[in-house]
Amino acid sequence: MNKDQVKGATKEATGQIKQDVGRALNDRELQAKGLAKEAEGKLQKNLGDAKEVVNDASRDLDDQSRRDLDRK
C-alpha cells in the first residue's frame, strides 16, 4: 500500500462524512463539498492503485531479467 492509496481512502471517507453531516443539517453546500472530497479521494486512491500495478510489473520484470542473466 502506498501513500496515495492511504491518502485517497482518507479523503474518500472524509468526503462521505461531510456528505452525511450535510444531509443531517440539510446543508447542500456541505454535501457538495463532501461529494467533491470523496471524488478527489477516489481519484487519488486509483492513482495509488495504478502505481502499485506499475511497481509490481517492474519488480516482476526485474526478477525475470535477473533469472535470465543467472542462466547465462
N, C-alpha and C. Protein backbone atom coordinates (compact mmCIF):
# COMPACT_ATOMS: atom_id res chain seq x y z
N MET A 1 0.85 -1.17 0.00
CA MET A 1 0.00 0.00 0.00
C MET A 1 0.91 1.24 0.00
N ASN A 2 0.57 2.20 -0.85
CA ASN A 2 1.38 3.40 -0.93
C ASN A 2 0.63 4.61 -0.38
N LYS A 3 1.34 5.74 -0.31
CA LYS A 3 0.76 6.93 0.33
C LYS A 3 -0.47 7.44 -0.42
N ASP A 4 -0.51 7.31 -1.74
CA ASP A 4 -1.68 7.77 -2.49
C ASP A 4 -2.91 6.93 -2.16
N GLN A 5 -2.72 5.66 -1.97
CA GLN A 5 -3.84 4.80 -1.61
C GLN A 5 -4.39 5.17 -0.22
N VAL A 6 -3.48 5.43 0.72
CA VAL A 6 -3.89 5.78 2.08
C VAL A 6 -4.56 7.15 2.10
N LYS A 7 -3.91 8.14 1.49
CA LYS A 7 -4.47 9.49 1.47
C LYS A 7 -5.81 9.51 0.73
N GLY A 8 -5.89 8.77 -0.35
CA GLY A 8 -7.12 8.71 -1.12
C GLY A 8 -8.26 8.11 -0.32
N ALA A 9 -7.98 7.03 0.37
CA ALA A 9 -9.01 6.39 1.19
C ALA A 9 -9.46 7.32 2.32
N THR A 10 -8.51 8.07 2.89
CA THR A 10 -8.84 9.01 3.95
C THR A 10 -9.73 10.13 3.42
N LYS A 11 -9.37 10.68 2.27
CA LYS A 11 -10.18 11.75 1.66
C LYS A 11 -11.58 11.23 1.31
N GLU A 12 -11.62 10.02 0.81
CA GLU A 12 -12.90 9.42 0.43
C GLU A 12 -13.81 9.30 1.66
N ALA A 13 -13.25 8.82 2.76
CA ALA A 13 -14.03 8.67 3.99
C ALA A 13 -14.45 10.03 4.54
N THR A 14 -13.54 11.01 4.51
CA THR A 14 -13.86 12.36 4.97
C THR A 14 -14.98 12.96 4.14
N GLY A 15 -14.93 12.75 2.85
CA GLY A 15 -15.98 13.25 1.96
C GLY A 15 -17.33 12.64 2.27
N GLN A 16 -17.32 11.34 2.54
CA GLN A 16 -18.58 10.67 2.87
C GLN A 16 -19.15 11.21 4.17
N ILE A 17 -18.30 11.45 5.15
CA ILE A 17 -18.75 12.00 6.43
C ILE A 17 -19.34 13.40 6.22
N LYS A 18 -18.65 14.22 5.42
CA LYS A 18 -19.16 15.57 5.14
C LYS A 18 -20.53 15.50 4.47
N GLN A 19 -20.68 14.57 3.56
CA GLN A 19 -21.97 14.41 2.89
C GLN A 19 -23.06 14.03 3.90
N ASP A 20 -22.74 13.09 4.78
CA ASP A 20 -23.71 12.65 5.77
C ASP A 20 -24.10 13.78 6.72
N VAL A 21 -23.11 14.54 7.16
CA VAL A 21 -23.39 15.67 8.05
C VAL A 21 -24.21 16.72 7.30
N GLY A 22 -23.84 16.96 6.05
CA GLY A 22 -24.59 17.91 5.24
C GLY A 22 -26.04 17.50 5.07
N ARG A 23 -26.28 16.20 4.88
CA ARG A 23 -27.65 15.70 4.77
C ARG A 23 -28.40 15.91 6.09
N ALA A 24 -27.72 15.59 7.20
CA ALA A 24 -28.35 15.71 8.52
C ALA A 24 -28.71 17.16 8.84
N LEU A 25 -27.85 18.08 8.39
CA LEU A 25 -28.07 19.50 8.66
C LEU A 25 -28.84 20.19 7.54
N ASN A 26 -29.17 19.43 6.52
CA ASN A 26 -29.83 19.98 5.33
C ASN A 26 -29.00 21.12 4.72
N ASP A 27 -27.69 20.87 4.67
CA ASP A 27 -26.73 21.87 4.16
C ASP A 27 -26.20 21.36 2.81
N ARG A 28 -26.77 21.87 1.75
CA ARG A 28 -26.39 21.40 0.40
C ARG A 28 -24.94 21.75 0.07
N GLU A 29 -24.46 22.86 0.56
CA GLU A 29 -23.07 23.25 0.27
C GLU A 29 -22.10 22.25 0.91
N LEU A 30 -22.36 21.86 2.14
CA LEU A 30 -21.51 20.87 2.80
C LEU A 30 -21.60 19.52 2.09
N GLN A 31 -22.79 19.17 1.64
CA GLN A 31 -22.95 17.93 0.87
C GLN A 31 -22.12 17.98 -0.40
N ALA A 32 -22.15 19.11 -1.09
CA ALA A 32 -21.40 19.25 -2.34
C ALA A 32 -19.89 19.18 -2.07
N LYS A 33 -19.45 19.82 -1.00
CA LYS A 33 -18.02 19.75 -0.64
C LYS A 33 -17.62 18.32 -0.31
N GLY A 34 -18.50 17.62 0.37
CA GLY A 34 -18.23 16.22 0.70
C GLY A 34 -18.15 15.35 -0.54
N LEU A 35 -19.05 15.59 -1.47
CA LEU A 35 -19.04 14.84 -2.72
C LEU A 35 -17.75 15.09 -3.49
N ALA A 36 -17.31 16.36 -3.52
CA ALA A 36 -16.07 16.70 -4.21
C ALA A 36 -14.87 16.05 -3.53
N LYS A 37 -14.84 16.05 -2.20
CA LYS A 37 -13.73 15.45 -1.46
C LYS A 37 -13.71 13.94 -1.67
N GLU A 38 -14.89 13.34 -1.70
CA GLU A 38 -14.97 11.90 -1.95
C GLU A 38 -14.44 11.56 -3.35
N ALA A 39 -14.82 12.34 -4.33
CA ALA A 39 -14.35 12.11 -5.70
C ALA A 39 -12.83 12.29 -5.79
N GLU A 40 -12.33 13.32 -5.12
CA GLU A 40 -10.87 13.55 -5.09
C GLU A 40 -10.17 12.35 -4.47
N GLY A 41 -10.74 11.83 -3.40
CA GLY A 41 -10.15 10.67 -2.74
C GLY A 41 -10.16 9.44 -3.62
N LYS A 42 -11.26 9.22 -4.33
CA LYS A 42 -11.33 8.07 -5.24
C LYS A 42 -10.27 8.16 -6.33
N LEU A 43 -10.10 9.37 -6.87
CA LEU A 43 -9.09 9.56 -7.91
C LEU A 43 -7.68 9.30 -7.38
N GLN A 44 -7.40 9.84 -6.19
CA GLN A 44 -6.07 9.64 -5.62
C GLN A 44 -5.84 8.17 -5.29
N LYS A 45 -6.87 7.50 -4.78
CA LYS A 45 -6.73 6.07 -4.48
C LYS A 45 -6.49 5.27 -5.76
N ASN A 46 -7.20 5.62 -6.83
CA ASN A 46 -7.00 4.94 -8.11
C ASN A 46 -5.60 5.19 -8.65
N LEU A 47 -5.08 6.40 -8.45
CA LEU A 47 -3.70 6.70 -8.85
C LEU A 47 -2.74 5.79 -8.07
N GLY A 48 -2.98 5.68 -6.78
CA GLY A 48 -2.15 4.80 -5.96
C GLY A 48 -2.23 3.35 -6.41
N ASP A 49 -3.43 2.91 -6.75
CA ASP A 49 -3.60 1.54 -7.26
C ASP A 49 -2.80 1.33 -8.54
N ALA A 50 -2.86 2.33 -9.43
CA ALA A 50 -2.12 2.23 -10.70
C ALA A 50 -0.62 2.19 -10.44
N LYS A 51 -0.16 2.99 -9.50
CA LYS A 51 1.27 2.98 -9.15
C LYS A 51 1.69 1.60 -8.64
N GLU A 52 0.83 0.97 -7.86
CA GLU A 52 1.14 -0.37 -7.34
C GLU A 52 1.27 -1.37 -8.48
N VAL A 53 0.37 -1.28 -9.44
CA VAL A 53 0.41 -2.20 -10.59
C VAL A 53 1.72 -2.01 -11.36
N VAL A 54 2.10 -0.77 -11.59
CA VAL A 54 3.34 -0.48 -12.31
C VAL A 54 4.55 -0.97 -11.52
N ASN A 55 4.56 -0.71 -10.21
CA ASN A 55 5.68 -1.16 -9.38
C ASN A 55 5.79 -2.68 -9.36
N ASP A 56 4.64 -3.35 -9.25
CA ASP A 56 4.65 -4.82 -9.25
C ASP A 56 5.17 -5.36 -10.59
N ALA A 57 4.72 -4.77 -11.68
CA ALA A 57 5.17 -5.21 -13.00
C ALA A 57 6.67 -4.96 -13.17
N SER A 58 7.13 -3.83 -12.67
CA SER A 58 8.55 -3.50 -12.76
C SER A 58 9.38 -4.50 -11.96
N ARG A 59 8.91 -4.84 -10.75
CA ARG A 59 9.62 -5.83 -9.93
C ARG A 59 9.64 -7.19 -10.62
N ASP A 60 8.52 -7.57 -11.22
CA ASP A 60 8.45 -8.85 -11.92
C ASP A 60 9.42 -8.90 -13.09
N LEU A 61 9.49 -7.81 -13.85
CA LEU A 61 10.43 -7.75 -14.98
C LEU A 61 11.87 -7.80 -14.49
N ASP A 62 12.15 -7.09 -13.40
CA ASP A 62 13.50 -7.09 -12.85
C ASP A 62 13.88 -8.49 -12.38
N ASP A 63 12.96 -9.16 -11.70
CA ASP A 63 13.23 -10.53 -11.24
C ASP A 63 13.46 -11.46 -12.42
N GLN A 64 12.65 -11.33 -13.46
CA GLN A 64 12.80 -12.17 -14.64
C GLN A 64 14.14 -11.91 -15.32
N SER A 65 14.54 -10.64 -15.42
CA SER A 65 15.82 -10.30 -16.03
C SER A 65 16.98 -10.92 -15.24
N ARG A 66 16.90 -10.87 -13.93
CA ARG A 66 17.96 -11.45 -13.11
C ARG A 66 18.03 -12.96 -13.28
N ARG A 67 16.86 -13.60 -13.36
CA ARG A 67 16.86 -15.06 -13.58
C ARG A 67 17.46 -15.39 -14.95
N ASP A 68 17.11 -14.59 -15.95
CA ASP A 68 17.64 -14.83 -17.30
C ASP A 68 19.17 -14.66 -17.31
N LEU A 69 19.67 -13.67 -16.61
CA LEU A 69 21.12 -13.42 -16.54
C LEU A 69 21.82 -14.55 -15.80
N ASP A 70 21.19 -15.06 -14.76
CA ASP A 70 21.77 -16.14 -13.99
C ASP A 70 21.90 -17.42 -14.80
N ARG A 71 21.00 -17.60 -15.76
CA ARG A 71 21.02 -18.80 -16.60
C ARG A 71 22.17 -18.76 -17.62
N LYS A 72 22.64 -17.57 -17.92
CA LYS A 72 23.68 -17.44 -18.96
C LYS A 72 25.06 -17.67 -18.43
